[in-house]
C-alpha atoms as a PDB file:
ATOM      1  CA  MET A   1      61.937   1.874  78.377  1.00  0.00           C
ATOM      2  CA  THR A   2      57.880   1.632  76.845  1.00  0.00           C
ATOM      3  CA  PRO A   3      55.054   3.263  79.126  1.00  0.00           C
ATOM      4  CA  ASN A   4      52.580  -0.232  80.627  1.00  0.00           C
ATOM      5  CA  LEU A   5      49.422  -0.477  77.917  1.00  0.00           C
ATOM      6  CA  ASP A   6      47.723  -2.941  79.641  1.00  0.00           C
ATOM      7  CA  PRO A   7      44.532  -1.886  78.564  1.00  0.00           C
ATOM      8  CA  ILE A   8      42.432  -0.989  82.499  1.00  0.00           C
ATOM      9  CA  ARG A   9      39.193  -3.335  82.755  1.00  0.00           C
ATOM     10  CA  ILE A  10      36.180  -1.767  82.406  1.00  0.00           C
ATOM     11  CA  GLY A  11      35.143  -2.627  86.273  1.00  0.00           C
ATOM     12  CA  THR A  12      38.467  -1.184  87.192  1.00  0.00           C
ATOM     13  CA  ARG A  13      37.580   1.891  85.371  1.00  0.00           C
ATOM     14  CA  LEU A  14      34.411   2.096  87.197  1.00  0.00           C
ATOM     15  CA  ALA A  15      35.513   0.949  90.294  1.00  0.00           C
ATOM     16  CA  ARG A  16      38.227   3.881  90.210  1.00  0.00           C
ATOM     17  CA  ASN A  17      35.720   6.621  89.523  1.00  0.00           C
ATOM     18  CA  TRP A  18      33.109   5.233  91.153  1.00  0.00           C
ATOM     19  CA  TRP A  19      32.342   8.637  92.479  1.00  0.00           C
ATOM     20  CA  THR A  20      32.129  10.231  88.908  1.00  0.00           C
ATOM     21  CA  ILE A  21      28.974   7.418  88.736  1.00  0.00           C
ATOM     22  CA  ALA A  22      27.496   8.463  92.000  1.00  0.00           C
ATOM     23  CA  LEU A  23      27.307  12.147  91.123  1.00  0.00           C
ATOM     24  CA  ARG A  24      25.328  11.676  87.732  1.00  0.00           C
ATOM     25  CA  GLY A  25      23.101   9.378  89.598  1.00  0.00           C
ATOM     26  CA  ALA A  26      22.723  12.256  92.189  1.00  0.00           C
ATOM     27  CA  ILE A  27      22.249  14.856  88.918  1.00  0.00           C
ATOM     28  CA  ALA A  28      19.944  12.603  87.301  1.00  0.00           C
ATOM     29  CA  ILE A  29      17.700  12.961  90.860  1.00  0.00           C
ATOM     30  CA  ILE A  30      17.648  16.418  91.094  1.00  0.00           C
ATOM     31  CA  PHE A  31      16.776  16.758  87.613  1.00  0.00           C
ATOM     32  CA  GLY A  32      14.387  14.090  88.004  1.00  0.00           C
ATOM     33  CA  LEU A  33      13.123  15.979  91.193  1.00  0.00           C
ATOM     34  CA  ALA A  34      12.647  19.406  89.697  1.00  0.00           C
ATOM     35  CA  ALA A  35      10.306  17.739  86.629  1.00  0.00           C
ATOM     36  CA  LEU A  36       8.079  16.079  89.245  1.00  0.00           C
ATOM     37  CA  PHE A  37       7.919  18.650  91.384  1.00  0.00           C
ATOM     38  CA  LEU A  38       7.762  21.843  89.348  1.00  0.00           C
ATOM     39  CA  PRO A  39       4.814  21.073  86.845  1.00  0.00           C
ATOM     40  CA  ARG A  40       4.412  24.985  86.158  1.00  0.00           C
ATOM     41  CA  ILE A  41       7.677  24.596  85.129  1.00  0.00           C
ATOM     42  CA  THR A  42       8.335  27.045  81.623  1.00  0.00           C
ATOM     43  CA  LEU A  43       9.436  25.153  78.216  1.00  0.00           C
ATOM     44  CA  ALA A  44      13.172  27.166  78.373  1.00  0.00           C
ATOM     45  CA  SER A  45      13.152  25.914  81.695  1.00  0.00           C
ATOM     46  CA  LEU A  46      13.038  22.336  80.989  1.00  0.00           C
ATOM     47  CA  VAL A  47      15.350  22.818  78.428  1.00  0.00           C
ATOM     48  CA  PHE A  48      18.109  24.257  80.650  1.00  0.00           C
ATOM     49  CA  LEU A  49      17.618  21.676  82.826  1.00  0.00           C
ATOM     50  CA  PHE A  50      17.723  19.169  80.491  1.00  0.00           C
ATOM     51  CA  ALA A  51      21.316  20.502  78.984  1.00  0.00           C
ATOM     52  CA  ALA A  52      22.343  20.731  82.536  1.00  0.00           C
ATOM     53  CA  PHE A  53      21.599  17.428  83.059  1.00  0.00           C
ATOM     54  CA  VAL A  54      23.250  16.074  80.302  1.00  0.00           C
ATOM     55  CA  LEU A  55      26.345  18.622  79.707  1.00  0.00           C
ATOM     56  CA  GLY A  56      27.426  17.394  83.417  1.00  0.00           C
ATOM     57  CA  SER A  57      26.425  13.808  83.165  1.00  0.00           C
ATOM     58  CA  GLY A  58      28.279  13.687  79.488  1.00  0.00           C
ATOM     59  CA  ILE A  59      31.345  15.811  81.087  1.00  0.00           C
ATOM     60  CA  LEU A  60      32.171  13.140  84.179  1.00  0.00           C
ATOM     61  CA  LEU A  61      31.801   9.943  81.283  1.00  0.00           C
ATOM     62  CA  VAL A  62      34.757  12.350  79.366  1.00  0.00           C
ATOM     63  CA  THR A  63      36.604  12.672  82.682  1.00  0.00           C
ATOM     64  CA  MET A  64      36.426   8.989  83.557  1.00  0.00           C
ATOM     65  CA  ALA A  65      36.970   8.333  79.863  1.00  0.00           C
ATOM     66  CA  PHE A  66      40.391  10.093  80.042  1.00  0.00           C
ATOM     67  CA  ARG A  67      41.590   9.798  83.547  1.00  0.00           C
ATOM     68  CA  ASP A  68      42.927   6.019  82.588  1.00  0.00           C
ATOM     69  CA  ARG A  69      43.807   6.987  79.243  1.00  0.00           C
ATOM     70  CA  LEU A  70      42.057   6.113  76.061  1.00  0.00           C
ATOM     71  CA  ASN A  71      43.693   2.294  75.539  1.00  0.00           C
ATOM     72  CA  ASN A  72      40.739   0.029  75.515  1.00  0.00           C
ATOM     73  CA  ALA A  73      37.653  -0.093  73.763  1.00  0.00           C
ATOM     74  CA  HIS A  74      35.515   0.693  77.039  1.00  0.00           C
ATOM     75  CA  GLY A  75      37.497   3.666  77.241  1.00  0.00           C
ATOM     76  CA  TRP A  76      36.591   4.649  74.045  1.00  0.00           C
ATOM     77  CA  ILE A  77      32.656   3.642  74.794  1.00  0.00           C
ATOM     78  CA  LEU A  78      32.857   5.823  78.021  1.00  0.00           C
ATOM     79  CA  LEU A  79      34.202   9.440  75.550  1.00  0.00           C
ATOM     80  CA  ILE A  80      31.740   8.450  73.060  1.00  0.00           C
ATOM     81  CA  GLU A  81      28.590   8.525  75.396  1.00  0.00           C
ATOM     82  CA  GLY A  82      30.393  11.625  77.299  1.00  0.00           C
ATOM     83  CA  ALA A  83      30.503  13.312  73.688  1.00  0.00           C
ATOM     84  CA  ILE A  84      27.490  12.718  72.744  1.00  0.00           C
ATOM     85  CA  SER A  85      25.946  13.879  76.078  1.00  0.00           C
ATOM     86  CA  ILE A  86      27.966  16.951  75.594  1.00  0.00           C
ATOM     87  CA  ILE A  87      27.186  17.638  72.249  1.00  0.00           C
ATOM     88  CA  LEU A  88      23.059  17.138  72.935  1.00  0.00           C
ATOM     89  CA  GLY A  89      23.697  19.406  76.123  1.00  0.00           C
ATOM     90  CA  VAL A  90      25.154  22.220  74.541  1.00  0.00           C
ATOM     91  CA  LEU A  91      22.433  21.939  71.493  1.00  0.00           C
ATOM     92  CA  ALA A  92      19.982  22.431  73.962  1.00  0.00           C
ATOM     93  CA  PHE A  93      21.983  25.311  75.834  1.00  0.00           C
ATOM     94  CA  VAL A  94      22.519  26.790  72.017  1.00  0.00           C
ATOM     95  CA  TRP A  95      19.090  26.490  71.421  1.00  0.00           C
ATOM     96  CA  PRO A  96      16.848  27.465  73.598  1.00  0.00           C
ATOM     97  CA  ALA A  97      13.759  28.199  72.004  1.00  0.00           C
ATOM     98  CA  ILE A  98      13.263  24.531  71.258  1.00  0.00           C
ATOM     99  CA  THR A  99      10.119  23.044  70.648  1.00  0.00           C
ATOM    100  CA  ALA A 100       8.304  20.838  73.053  1.00  0.00           C
ATOM    101  CA  LEU A 101       8.272  17.417  70.578  1.00  0.00           C
ATOM    102  CA  VAL A 102      12.032  18.640  69.346  1.00  0.00           C
ATOM    103  CA  LEU A 103      12.980  18.682  73.098  1.00  0.00           C
ATOM    104  CA  LEU A 104      10.941  15.075  73.409  1.00  0.00           C
ATOM    105  CA  TYR A 105      13.153  13.791  70.412  1.00  0.00           C
ATOM    106  CA  PHE A 106      16.501  15.389  71.478  1.00  0.00           C
ATOM    107  CA  ILE A 107      16.489  13.425  75.353  1.00  0.00           C
ATOM    108  CA  ALA A 108      14.737  10.229  73.543  1.00  0.00           C
ATOM    109  CA  THR A 109      17.633   9.570  70.902  1.00  0.00           C
ATOM    110  CA  TRP A 110      19.863  10.522  73.616  1.00  0.00           C
ATOM    111  CA  ALA A 111      18.145   7.850  75.847  1.00  0.00           C
ATOM    112  CA  ILE A 112      18.475   5.094  73.399  1.00  0.00           C
ATOM    113  CA  MET A 113      22.320   6.159  72.837  1.00  0.00           C
ATOM    114  CA  ILE A 114      23.256   6.642  75.859  1.00  0.00           C
ATOM    115  CA  GLY A 115      21.123   3.195  76.956  1.00  0.00           C
ATOM    116  CA  ILE A 116      22.959   0.790  73.849  1.00  0.00           C
ATOM    117  CA  LEU A 117      26.287   2.054  75.408  1.00  0.00           C
ATOM    118  CA  GLU A 118      25.169   0.847  79.126  1.00  0.00           C
ATOM    119  CA  ILE A 119      24.588  -2.274  77.786  1.00  0.00           C
ATOM    120  CA  ILE A 120      27.557  -2.901  75.853  1.00  0.00           C
ATOM    121  CA  ALA A 121      29.036  -1.341  79.007  1.00  0.00           C
ATOM    122  CA  ALA A 122      27.242  -3.821  81.213  1.00  0.00           C
ATOM    123  CA  ILE A 123      28.391  -6.651  79.615  1.00  0.00           C
ATOM    124  CA  GLY A 124      32.322  -5.503  80.228  1.00  0.00           C
ATOM    125  CA  LEU A 125      31.393  -5.677  83.619  1.00  0.00           C
ATOM    126  CA  ARG A 126      29.544  -8.797  83.976  1.00  0.00           C
ATOM    127  CA  LYS A 127      33.066 -10.573  82.581  1.00  0.00           C
ATOM    128  CA  GLU A 128      34.114  -8.786  85.471  1.00  0.00           C
ATOM    129  CA  ILE A 129      32.101  -8.436  88.780  1.00  0.00           C
ATOM    130  CA  GLU A 130      29.863 -12.054  89.345  1.00  0.00           C
ATOM    131  CA  ASN A 131      25.884 -11.231  89.090  1.00  0.00           C
ATOM    132  CA  GLU A 132      26.336  -7.206  88.196  1.00  0.00           C
ATOM    133  CA  TRP A 133      22.933  -6.181  87.183  1.00  0.00           C
ATOM    134  CA  LEU A 134      22.478  -2.614  87.450  1.00  0.00           C
ATOM    135  CA  LEU A 135      24.133  -0.869  84.644  1.00  0.00           C
ATOM    136  CA  LEU A 136      22.354  -3.514  82.328  1.00  0.00           C
ATOM    137  CA  LEU A 137      19.090  -2.548  83.776  1.00  0.00           C
ATOM    138  CA  VAL A 138      19.943   1.564  83.180  1.00  0.00           C
ATOM    139  CA  GLY A 139      21.134   0.473  79.910  1.00  0.00           C
ATOM    140  CA  ILE A 140      17.874  -1.525  79.173  1.00  0.00           C
ATOM    141  CA  GLY A 141      15.481   1.477  80.826  1.00  0.00           C
ATOM    142  CA  SER A 142      16.949   3.918  78.934  1.00  0.00           C
ATOM    143  CA  VAL A 143      16.729   2.015  75.356  1.00  0.00           C
ATOM    144  CA  ILE A 144      12.847   1.843  76.571  1.00  0.00           C
ATOM    145  CA  PHE A 145      12.400   4.914  77.523  1.00  0.00           C
ATOM    146  CA  GLY A 146      13.462   6.609  74.409  1.00  0.00           C
ATOM    147  CA  VAL A 147      11.794   4.624  72.006  1.00  0.00           C
ATOM    148  CA  SER A 148       8.469   4.636  74.923  1.00  0.00           C
ATOM    149  CA  LEU A 149       8.769   8.978  73.663  1.00  0.00           C
ATOM    150  CA  LEU A 150       9.473   7.757  70.018  1.00  0.00           C
ATOM    151  CA  ILE A 151       6.469   5.746  69.983  1.00  0.00           C
ATOM    152  CA  TRP A 152       4.106   8.085  71.618  1.00  0.00           C
ATOM    153  CA  PRO A 153       5.252  11.173  71.412  1.00  0.00           C
ATOM    154  CA  GLY A 154       1.733  13.466  71.618  1.00  0.00           C
ATOM    155  CA  ALA A 155       0.924  11.606  74.892  1.00  0.00           C
ATOM    156  CA  GLY A 156       0.543  15.358  76.383  1.00  0.00           C
ATOM    157  CA  ALA A 157       3.333  17.896  77.979  1.00  0.00           C
ATOM    158  CA  LEU A 158       2.436  17.236  81.717  1.00  0.00           C
ATOM    159  CA  ALA A 159       2.544  13.458  81.180  1.00  0.00           C
ATOM    160  CA  ILE A 160       5.663  13.456  79.228  1.00  0.00           C
ATOM    161  CA  LEU A 161       6.898  15.714  82.414  1.00  0.00           C
ATOM    162  CA  TRP A 162       5.938  13.185  84.802  1.00  0.00           C
ATOM    163  CA  VAL A 163       7.563  10.326  82.760  1.00  0.00           C
ATOM    164  CA  ILE A 164      10.812  12.471  81.909  1.00  0.00           C
ATOM    165  CA  GLY A 165      10.568  13.109  85.922  1.00  0.00           C
ATOM    166  CA  ILE A 166      10.330   9.616  86.768  1.00  0.00           C
ATOM    167  CA  TYR A 167      12.446   7.931  84.622  1.00  0.00           C
ATOM    168  CA  ALA A 168      15.508  10.081  85.579  1.00  0.00           C
ATOM    169  CA  ILE A 169      14.783   9.265  89.348  1.00  0.00           C
ATOM    170  CA  PHE A 170      14.863   5.954  88.235  1.00  0.00           C
ATOM    171  CA  PHE A 171      17.783   6.107  86.329  1.00  0.00           C
ATOM    172  CA  GLY A 172      19.565   8.672  89.331  1.00  0.00           C
ATOM    173  CA  ILE A 173      18.561   6.181  91.433  1.00  0.00           C
ATOM    174  CA  LEU A 174      20.480   3.020  90.068  1.00  0.00           C
ATOM    175  CA  LEU A 175      23.427   4.517  88.719  1.00  0.00           C
ATOM    176  CA  LEU A 176      23.880   5.456  93.437  1.00  0.00           C
ATOM    177  CA  MET A 177      23.128   1.971  93.389  1.00  0.00           C
ATOM    178  CA  LEU A 178      25.836   1.070  91.073  1.00  0.00           C
ATOM    179  CA  ALA A 179      28.135   3.661  91.848  1.00  0.00           C
ATOM    180  CA  PHE A 180      28.072   2.573  95.801  1.00  0.00           C
ATOM    181  CA  ARG A 181      28.323  -1.271  94.679  1.00  0.00           C
ATOM    182  CA  LEU A 182      31.815  -0.663  92.179  1.00  0.00           C
ATOM    183  CA  ARG A 183      32.662   1.546  95.679  1.00  0.00           C
ATOM    184  CA  SER A 184      32.382  -1.591  97.381  1.00  0.00           C
ATOM    185  CA  TRP A 185      33.645  -3.927  94.972  1.00  0.00           C
ATOM    186  CA  LYS A 186      36.926  -1.745  94.790  1.00  0.00           C
ATOM    187  CA  ARG A 187      37.349  -1.991  98.436  1.00  0.00           C
ATOM    188  CA  GLN A 188      37.533  -5.696  98.379  1.00  0.00           C
ATOM    189  CA  ARG A 189      40.308  -5.803  95.893  1.00  0.00           C
ATOM    190  CA  GLY A 190      42.690  -3.493  97.400  1.00  0.00           C
ATOM    191  CA  ASP A 191      44.923  -3.026  94.375  1.00  0.00           C
ATOM    192  CA  MET A 192      43.516  -0.709  92.428  1.00  0.00           C
END
């Protein structure tokens, strides 16, 4: 007898793991608040905060991917998104003497790659949850943020810190909204 390998749809996978999305949102908000309200933060501290944020986010994504097995494209997207986050987080921890410009490029690259993967996941989610736009908005916002950092890298350290903080809070709030919407959808379906 072979095990049932029916692919788990993205909405079901995300709804089962809504708490990991909420936790990612909370981590992002904490990172954003630290970036905004600790303006005299040293570059090394910012690197460690960024590394912790990205590493924690990546671990939660990988957990979500493996929790329901990797038997479809959505599981692999979550795994890739998590792996990218973990790699960038580890690089930032291992290389703490990083310059501001390199950190900026790390953050921009991460935001663009994660944004693209979030958009792909959102397209799959929209097939299951009607009028679901939050994950798409997170993805688009991430891509715009990343491209903006690449286009205007010399905007000034304080301005960059503010932009990073605002983005992280925006990203976190949208993830929290998505998580609680998924939790409600899961309760309505009741079959997960």
